[in-house]
Amino acid sequence: MQLVMQNQQIAMMLLGKVVNPVTNKSEVNLEHAKYTIDMIDMLSIKTNGNLSEYETKFLNEVIRELKLNYVELVEKNPNTA
């Protein structure tokens, strides 16, 4: 769960939804955000059947939230994807 939460925070930072604590700025990097979201998605696939019900729901909700935020940004800026 800690790994998922760390990567969720990184993805949200890359989507510009969370301020980067190093630069103190909101930055968007869709390429790296997509990579991070895909990595969490892969983790979900690889752990399928080995997680508790709570962990599965949490992981699915994180992936859903990140993908929705990613798609929203891509639709606003189609040339950046």
PDB file of N, CA and C in Angstrom:
ATOM      1  N   MET A   1       0.823  -1.183   0.000  1.00  0.00           N
ATOM      2  CA  MET A   1       0.000   0.000   0.000  1.00  0.00           C
ATOM      3  C   MET A   1       0.876   1.258   0.000  1.00  0.00           C
ATOM      4  N   GLN A   2       1.989   1.193   0.726  1.00  0.00           N
ATOM      5  CA  GLN A   2       2.882   2.347   0.780  1.00  0.00           C
ATOM      6  C   GLN A   2       3.446   2.641  -0.609  1.00  0.00           C
ATOM      7  N   LEU A   3       3.811   1.601  -1.337  1.00  0.00           N
ATOM      8  CA  LEU A   3       4.330   1.774  -2.695  1.00  0.00           C
ATOM      9  C   LEU A   3       3.295   2.425  -3.597  1.00  0.00           C
ATOM     10  N   VAL A   4       2.061   1.999  -3.480  1.00  0.00           N
ATOM     11  CA  VAL A   4       0.972   2.565  -4.284  1.00  0.00           C
ATOM     12  C   VAL A   4       0.770   4.032  -3.926  1.00  0.00           C
ATOM     13  N   MET A   5       0.744   4.343  -2.639  1.00  0.00           N
ATOM     14  CA  MET A   5       0.534   5.726  -2.220  1.00  0.00           C
ATOM     15  C   MET A   5       1.687   6.639  -2.650  1.00  0.00           C
ATOM     16  N   GLN A   6       2.914   6.137  -2.587  1.00  0.00           N
ATOM     17  CA  GLN A   6       4.061   6.937  -3.034  1.00  0.00           C
ATOM     18  C   GLN A   6       3.950   7.244  -4.522  1.00  0.00           C
ATOM     19  N   ASN A   7       3.634   6.238  -5.299  1.00  0.00           N
ATOM     20  CA  ASN A   7       3.522   6.438  -6.742  1.00  0.00           C
ATOM     21  C   ASN A   7       2.294   7.266  -7.108  1.00  0.00           C
ATOM     22  N   GLN A   8       1.240   7.168  -6.316  1.00  0.00           N
ATOM     23  CA  GLN A   8       0.068   8.013  -6.529  1.00  0.00           C
ATOM     24  C   GLN A   8       0.454   9.480  -6.342  1.00  0.00           C
ATOM     25  N   GLN A   9       1.198   9.777  -5.297  1.00  0.00           N
ATOM     26  CA  GLN A   9       1.628  11.148  -5.042  1.00  0.00           C
ATOM     27  C   GLN A   9       2.528  11.659  -6.168  1.00  0.00           C
ATOM     28  N   ILE A  10       3.411  10.819  -6.649  1.00  0.00           N
ATOM     29  CA  ILE A  10       4.298  11.196  -7.755  1.00  0.00           C
ATOM     30  C   ILE A  10       3.468  11.491  -8.998  1.00  0.00           C
ATOM     31  N   ALA A  11       2.511  10.619  -9.297  1.00  0.00           N
ATOM     32  CA  ALA A  11       1.666  10.819 -10.480  1.00  0.00           C
ATOM     33  C   ALA A  11       0.846  12.092 -10.357  1.00  0.00           C
ATOM     34  N   MET A  12       0.283  12.346  -9.182  1.00  0.00           N
ATOM     35  CA  MET A  12      -0.504  13.558  -8.985  1.00  0.00           C
ATOM     36  C   MET A  12       0.370  14.802  -9.131  1.00  0.00           C
ATOM     37  N   MET A  13       1.610  14.714  -8.686  1.00  0.00           N
ATOM     38  CA  MET A  13       2.548  15.823  -8.846  1.00  0.00           C
ATOM     39  C   MET A  13       2.850  16.036 -10.326  1.00  0.00           C
ATOM     40  N   LEU A  14       3.042  14.949 -11.059  1.00  0.00           N
ATOM     41  CA  LEU A  14       3.336  15.044 -12.487  1.00  0.00           C
ATOM     42  C   LEU A  14       2.131  15.524 -13.294  1.00  0.00           C
ATOM     43  N   LEU A  15       0.940  15.344 -12.749  1.00  0.00           N
ATOM     44  CA  LEU A  15      -0.275  15.831 -13.392  1.00  0.00           C
ATOM     45  C   LEU A  15      -0.576  17.278 -13.002  1.00  0.00           C
ATOM     46  N   GLY A  16       0.262  17.838 -12.141  1.00  0.00           N
ATOM     47  CA  GLY A  16       0.081  19.223 -11.718  1.00  0.00           C
ATOM     48  C   GLY A  16      -0.993  19.398 -10.666  1.00  0.00           C
ATOM     49  N   LYS A  17      -1.447  18.304 -10.069  1.00  0.00           N
ATOM     50  CA  LYS A  17      -2.512  18.358  -9.059  1.00  0.00           C
ATOM     51  C   LYS A  17      -1.953  18.589  -7.662  1.00  0.00           C
ATOM     52  N   VAL A  18      -0.665  18.308  -7.483  1.00  0.00           N
ATOM     53  CA  VAL A  18       0.014  18.484  -6.198  1.00  0.00           C
ATOM     54  C   VAL A  18       1.278  19.291  -6.462  1.00  0.00           C
ATOM     55  N   VAL A  19       1.585  20.225  -5.586  1.00  0.00           N
ATOM     56  CA  VAL A  19       2.776  21.065  -5.737  1.00  0.00           C
ATOM     57  C   VAL A  19       4.027  20.226  -5.505  1.00  0.00           C
ATOM     58  N   ASN A  20       5.010  20.393  -6.384  1.00  0.00           N
ATOM     59  CA  ASN A  20       6.298  19.730  -6.225  1.00  0.00           C
ATOM     60  C   ASN A  20       6.989  20.319  -4.996  1.00  0.00           C
ATOM     61  N   PRO A  21       7.306  19.503  -3.985  1.00  0.00           N
ATOM     62  CA  PRO A  21       7.890  20.041  -2.759  1.00  0.00           C
ATOM     63  C   PRO A  21       9.315  20.576  -2.943  1.00  0.00           C
ATOM     64  N   VAL A  22       9.997  20.148  -3.978  1.00  0.00           N
ATOM     65  CA  VAL A  22      11.365  20.612  -4.233  1.00  0.00           C
ATOM     66  C   VAL A  22      11.358  22.000  -4.866  1.00  0.00           C
ATOM     67  N   THR A  23      10.518  22.175  -5.894  1.00  0.00           N
ATOM     68  CA  THR A  23      10.481  23.451  -6.612  1.00  0.00           C
ATOM     69  C   THR A  23       9.404  24.393  -6.080  1.00  0.00           C
ATOM     70  N   ASN A  24       8.496  23.847  -5.277  1.00  0.00           N
ATOM     71  CA  ASN A  24       7.372  24.615  -4.751  1.00  0.00           C
ATOM     72  C   ASN A  24       6.482  25.172  -5.862  1.00  0.00           C
ATOM     73  N   LYS A  25       6.411  24.431  -6.980  1.00  0.00           N
ATOM     74  CA  LYS A  25       5.601  24.822  -8.134  1.00  0.00           C
ATOM     75  C   LYS A  25       4.722  23.649  -8.567  1.00  0.00           C
ATOM     76  N   SER A  26       3.640  23.979  -9.248  1.00  0.00           N
ATOM     77  CA  SER A  26       2.790  22.970  -9.855  1.00  0.00           C
ATOM     78  C   SER A  26       3.302  22.739 -11.272  1.00  0.00           C
ATOM     79  N   GLU A  27       3.711  21.514 -11.571  1.00  0.00           N
ATOM     80  CA  GLU A  27       4.304  21.192 -12.870  1.00  0.00           C
ATOM     81  C   GLU A  27       3.546  20.036 -13.514  1.00  0.00           C
ATOM     82  N   VAL A  28       3.467  20.065 -14.842  1.00  0.00           N
ATOM     83  CA  VAL A  28       2.791  18.990 -15.573  1.00  0.00           C
ATOM     84  C   VAL A  28       3.800  18.312 -16.497  1.00  0.00           C
ATOM     85  N   ASN A  29       3.870  16.985 -16.391  1.00  0.00           N
ATOM     86  CA  ASN A  29       4.703  16.177 -17.282  1.00  0.00           C
ATOM     87  C   ASN A  29       3.888  14.930 -17.605  1.00  0.00           C
ATOM     88  N   LEU A  30       3.101  15.018 -18.683  1.00  0.00           N
ATOM     89  CA  LEU A  30       2.179  13.933 -19.012  1.00  0.00           C
ATOM     90  C   LEU A  30       2.887  12.636 -19.376  1.00  0.00           C
ATOM     91  N   GLU A  31       4.049  12.740 -19.997  1.00  0.00           N
ATOM     92  CA  GLU A  31       4.790  11.527 -20.381  1.00  0.00           C
ATOM     93  C   GLU A  31       5.182  10.718 -19.142  1.00  0.00           C
ATOM     94  N   HIS A  32       5.751  11.386 -18.163  1.00  0.00           N
ATOM     95  CA  HIS A  32       6.157  10.691 -16.942  1.00  0.00           C
ATOM     96  C   HIS A  32       4.953  10.296 -16.090  1.00  0.00           C
ATOM     97  N   ALA A  33       3.906  11.095 -16.119  1.00  0.00           N
ATOM     98  CA  ALA A  33       2.685  10.744 -15.396  1.00  0.00           C
ATOM     99  C   ALA A  33       2.097   9.448 -15.961  1.00  0.00           C
ATOM    100  N   LYS A  34       2.061   9.341 -17.287  1.00  0.00           N
ATOM    101  CA  LYS A  34       1.547   8.130 -17.934  1.00  0.00           C
ATOM    102  C   LYS A  34       2.382   6.916 -17.546  1.00  0.00           C
ATOM    103  N   TYR A  35       3.689   7.080 -17.511  1.00  0.00           N
ATOM    104  CA  TYR A  35       4.588   5.988 -17.116  1.00  0.00           C
ATOM    105  C   TYR A  35       4.276   5.529 -15.691  1.00  0.00           C
ATOM    106  N   THR A  36       4.092   6.486 -14.785  1.00  0.00           N
ATOM    107  CA  THR A  36       3.819   6.161 -13.385  1.00  0.00           C
ATOM    108  C   THR A  36       2.458   5.481 -13.236  1.00  0.00           C
ATOM    109  N   ILE A  37       1.457   5.983 -13.946  1.00  0.00           N
ATOM    110  CA  ILE A  37       0.120   5.372 -13.899  1.00  0.00           C
ATOM    111  C   ILE A  37       0.171   3.951 -14.463  1.00  0.00           C
ATOM    112  N   ASP A  38       0.885   3.766 -15.557  1.00  0.00           N
ATOM    113  CA  ASP A  38       1.023   2.432 -16.148  1.00  0.00           C
ATOM    114  C   ASP A  38       1.717   1.476 -15.184  1.00  0.00           C
ATOM    115  N   MET A  39       2.688   1.982 -14.424  1.00  0.00           N
ATOM    116  CA  MET A  39       3.411   1.142 -13.468  1.00  0.00           C
ATOM    117  C   MET A  39       2.465   0.679 -12.351  1.00  0.00           C
ATOM    118  N   ILE A  40       1.612   1.589 -11.860  1.00  0.00           N
ATOM    119  CA  ILE A  40       0.641   1.210 -10.836  1.00  0.00           C
ATOM    120  C   ILE A  40      -0.370   0.221 -11.411  1.00  0.00           C
ATOM    121  N   ASP A  41      -0.778   0.429 -12.649  1.00  0.00           N
ATOM    122  CA  ASP A  41      -1.700  -0.484 -13.322  1.00  0.00           C
ATOM    123  C   ASP A  41      -1.066  -1.871 -13.454  1.00  0.00           C
ATOM    124  N   MET A  42       0.219  -1.925 -13.807  1.00  0.00           N
ATOM    125  CA  MET A  42       0.921  -3.197 -13.924  1.00  0.00           C
ATOM    126  C   MET A  42       1.000  -3.897 -12.569  1.00  0.00           C
ATOM    127  N   LEU A  43       1.218  -3.118 -11.511  1.00  0.00           N
ATOM    128  CA  LEU A  43       1.260  -3.681 -10.166  1.00  0.00           C
ATOM    129  C   LEU A  43      -0.083  -4.330  -9.826  1.00  0.00           C
ATOM    130  N   SER A  44      -1.165  -3.700 -10.235  1.00  0.00           N
ATOM    131  CA  SER A  44      -2.499  -4.256 -10.018  1.00  0.00           C
ATOM    132  C   SER A  44      -2.661  -5.591 -10.731  1.00  0.00           C
ATOM    133  N   ILE A  45      -2.204  -5.643 -11.956  1.00  0.00           N
ATOM    134  CA  ILE A  45      -2.311  -6.880 -12.743  1.00  0.00           C
ATOM    135  C   ILE A  45      -1.477  -7.995 -12.122  1.00  0.00           C
ATOM    136  N   LYS A  46      -0.258  -7.667 -11.712  1.00  0.00           N
ATOM    137  CA  LYS A  46       0.660  -8.670 -11.169  1.00  0.00           C
ATOM    138  C   LYS A  46       0.243  -9.176  -9.786  1.00  0.00           C
ATOM    139  N   THR A  47      -0.500  -8.364  -9.037  1.00  0.00           N
ATOM    140  CA  THR A  47      -0.919  -8.782  -7.696  1.00  0.00           C
ATOM    141  C   THR A  47      -2.351  -9.295  -7.670  1.00  0.00           C
ATOM    142  N   ASN A  48      -2.981  -9.403  -8.834  1.00  0.00           N
ATOM    143  CA  ASN A  48      -4.370  -9.858  -8.910  1.00  0.00           C
ATOM    144  C   ASN A  48      -4.540 -11.208  -8.211  1.00  0.00           C
ATOM    145  N   GLY A  49      -5.476 -11.255  -7.275  1.00  0.00           N
ATOM    146  CA  GLY A  49      -5.746 -12.495  -6.555  1.00  0.00           C
ATOM    147  C   GLY A  49      -4.909 -12.662  -5.296  1.00  0.00           C
ATOM    148  N   ASN A  50      -3.960 -11.769  -5.066  1.00  0.00           N
ATOM    149  CA  ASN A  50      -3.082 -11.881  -3.902  1.00  0.00           C
ATOM    150  C   ASN A  50      -3.272 -10.752  -2.896  1.00  0.00           C
ATOM    151  N   LEU A  51      -4.294  -9.930  -3.094  1.00  0.00           N
ATOM    152  CA  LEU A  51      -4.540  -8.805  -2.207  1.00  0.00           C
ATOM    153  C   LEU A  51      -5.840  -9.007  -1.448  1.00  0.00           C
ATOM    154  N   SER A  52      -5.927  -8.327  -0.317  1.00  0.00           N
ATOM    155  CA  SER A  52      -7.197  -8.359   0.415  1.00  0.00           C
ATOM    156  C   SER A  52      -8.230  -7.560  -0.367  1.00  0.00           C
ATOM    157  N   GLU A  53      -9.475  -7.694   0.016  1.00  0.00           N
ATOM    158  CA  GLU A  53     -10.544  -6.949  -0.656  1.00  0.00           C
ATOM    159  C   GLU A  53     -10.306  -5.444  -0.523  1.00  0.00           C
ATOM    160  N   TYR A  54      -9.895  -5.013   0.663  1.00  0.00           N
ATOM    161  CA  TYR A  54      -9.619  -3.600   0.900  1.00  0.00           C
ATOM    162  C   TYR A  54      -8.478  -3.109   0.007  1.00  0.00           C
ATOM    163  N   GLU A  55      -7.394  -3.873  -0.073  1.00  0.00           N
ATOM    164  CA  GLU A  55      -6.248  -3.483  -0.899  1.00  0.00           C
ATOM    165  C   GLU A  55      -6.627  -3.411  -2.372  1.00  0.00           C
ATOM    166  N   THR A  56      -7.417  -4.357  -2.827  1.00  0.00           N
ATOM    167  CA  THR A  56      -7.862  -4.367  -4.225  1.00  0.00           C
ATOM    168  C   THR A  56      -8.716  -3.143  -4.530  1.00  0.00           C
ATOM    169  N   LYS A  57      -9.656  -2.829  -3.648  1.00  0.00           N
ATOM    170  CA  LYS A  57     -10.509  -1.656  -3.854  1.00  0.00           C
ATOM    171  C   LYS A  57      -9.675  -0.378  -3.835  1.00  0.00           C
ATOM    172  N   PHE A  58      -8.742  -0.284  -2.901  1.00  0.00           N
ATOM    173  CA  PHE A  58      -7.884   0.889  -2.806  1.00  0.00           C
ATOM    174  C   PHE A  58      -7.067   1.066  -4.083  1.00  0.00           C
ATOM    175  N   LEU A  59      -6.442   0.009  -4.533  1.00  0.00           N
ATOM    176  CA  LEU A  59      -5.615   0.057  -5.744  1.00  0.00           C
ATOM    177  C   LEU A  59      -6.451   0.430  -6.961  1.00  0.00           C
ATOM    178  N   ASN A  60      -7.621  -0.151  -7.099  1.00  0.00           N
ATOM    179  CA  ASN A  60      -8.496   0.168  -8.230  1.00  0.00           C
ATOM    180  C   ASN A  60      -8.951   1.625  -8.201  1.00  0.00           C
ATOM    181  N   GLU A  61      -9.236   2.138  -7.014  1.00  0.00           N
ATOM    182  CA  GLU A  61      -9.668   3.528  -6.880  1.00  0.00           C
ATOM    183  C   GLU A  61      -8.528   4.490  -7.231  1.00  0.00           C
ATOM    184  N   VAL A  62      -7.320   4.171  -6.808  1.00  0.00           N
ATOM    185  CA  VAL A  62      -6.158   5.003  -7.139  1.00  0.00           C
ATOM    186  C   VAL A  62      -5.966   5.047  -8.653  1.00  0.00           C
ATOM    187  N   ILE A  63      -6.029   3.896  -9.291  1.00  0.00           N
ATOM    188  CA  ILE A  63      -5.844   3.822 -10.743  1.00  0.00           C
ATOM    189  C   ILE A  63      -6.953   4.608 -11.460  1.00  0.00           C
ATOM    190  N   ARG A  64      -8.180   4.437 -11.014  1.00  0.00           N
ATOM    191  CA  ARG A  64      -9.300   5.150 -11.635  1.00  0.00           C
ATOM    192  C   ARG A  64      -9.121   6.660 -11.508  1.00  0.00           C
ATOM    193  N   GLU A  65      -8.786   7.115 -10.327  1.00  0.00           N
ATOM    194  CA  GLU A  65      -8.593   8.547 -10.090  1.00  0.00           C
ATOM    195  C   GLU A  65      -7.467   9.114 -10.966  1.00  0.00           C
ATOM    196  N   LEU A  66      -6.363   8.403 -11.024  1.00  0.00           N
ATOM    197  CA  LEU A  66      -5.229   8.888 -11.816  1.00  0.00           C
ATOM    198  C   LEU A  66      -5.545   8.913 -13.311  1.00  0.00           C
ATOM    199  N   LYS A  67      -6.202   7.875 -13.797  1.00  0.00           N
ATOM    200  CA  LYS A  67      -6.547   7.824 -15.217  1.00  0.00           C
ATOM    201  C   LYS A  67      -7.534   8.924 -15.592  1.00  0.00           C
ATOM    202  N   LEU A  68      -8.507   9.169 -14.733  1.00  0.00           N
ATOM    203  CA  LEU A  68      -9.466  10.247 -15.008  1.00  0.00           C
ATOM    204  C   LEU A  68      -8.767  11.605 -15.057  1.00  0.00           C
ATOM    205  N   ASN A  69      -7.859  11.848 -14.134  1.00  0.00           N
ATOM    206  CA  ASN A  69      -7.111  13.100 -14.135  1.00  0.00           C
ATOM    207  C   ASN A  69      -6.216  13.219 -15.362  1.00  0.00           C
ATOM    208  N   TYR A  70      -5.615  12.112 -15.767  1.00  0.00           N
ATOM    209  CA  TYR A  70      -4.756  12.108 -16.947  1.00  0.00           C
ATOM    210  C   TYR A  70      -5.568  12.429 -18.203  1.00  0.00           C
ATOM    211  N   VAL A  71      -6.698  11.746 -18.366  1.00  0.00           N
ATOM    212  CA  VAL A  71      -7.544  11.956 -19.544  1.00  0.00           C
ATOM    213  C   VAL A  71      -8.055  13.400 -19.586  1.00  0.00           C
ATOM    214  N   GLU A  72      -8.416  13.927 -18.436  1.00  0.00           N
ATOM    215  CA  GLU A  72      -8.884  15.313 -18.365  1.00  0.00           C
ATOM    216  C   GLU A  72      -7.813  16.280 -18.890  1.00  0.00           C
ATOM    217  N   LEU A  73      -6.581  16.074 -18.494  1.00  0.00           N
ATOM    218  CA  LEU A  73      -5.492  16.948 -18.963  1.00  0.00           C
ATOM    219  C   LEU A  73      -5.212  16.757 -20.451  1.00  0.00           C
ATOM    220  N   VAL A  74      -5.256  15.532 -20.910  1.00  0.00           N
ATOM    221  CA  VAL A  74      -5.007  15.251 -22.333  1.00  0.00           C
ATOM    222  C   VAL A  74      -6.093  15.886 -23.188  1.00  0.00           C
ATOM    223  N   GLU A  75      -7.332  15.820 -22.739  1.00  0.00           N
ATOM    224  CA  GLU A  75      -8.425  16.416 -23.503  1.00  0.00           C
ATOM    225  C   GLU A  75      -8.316  17.938 -23.556  1.00  0.00           C
ATOM    226  N   LYS A  76      -7.800  18.541 -22.493  1.00  0.00           N
ATOM    227  CA  LYS A  76      -7.612  19.991 -22.472  1.00  0.00           C
ATOM    228  C   LYS A  76      -6.440  20.420 -23.341  1.00  0.00           C
ATOM    229  N   ASN A  77      -5.412  19.557 -23.437  1.00  0.00           N
ATOM    230  CA  ASN A  77      -4.188  19.875 -24.179  1.00  0.00           C
ATOM    231  C   ASN A  77      -3.823  18.681 -25.071  1.00  0.00           C
ATOM    232  N   PRO A  78      -4.540  18.436 -26.157  1.00  0.00           N
ATOM    233  CA  PRO A  78      -4.306  17.250 -26.974  1.00  0.00           C
ATOM    234  C   PRO A  78      -2.916  17.184 -27.593  1.00  0.00           C
ATOM    235  N   ASN A  79      -2.241  18.277 -27.762  1.00  0.00           N
ATOM    236  CA  ASN A  79      -0.910  18.276 -28.378  1.00  0.00           C
ATOM    237  C   ASN A  79       0.193  17.878 -27.416  1.00  0.00           C
ATOM    238  N   THR A  80      -0.103  17.754 -26.128  1.00  0.00           N
ATOM    239  CA  THR A  80       0.936  17.451 -25.149  1.00  0.00           C
ATOM    240  C   THR A  80       1.038  15.969 -24.836  1.00  0.00           C
ATOM    241  N   ALA A  81       0.100  15.162 -25.273  1.00  0.00           N
ATOM    242  CA  ALA A  81       0.108  13.729 -24.943  1.00  0.00           C
ATOM    243  C   ALA A  81       1.078  12.966 -25.821  1.00  0.00           C
TER     244      ALA A  81
END
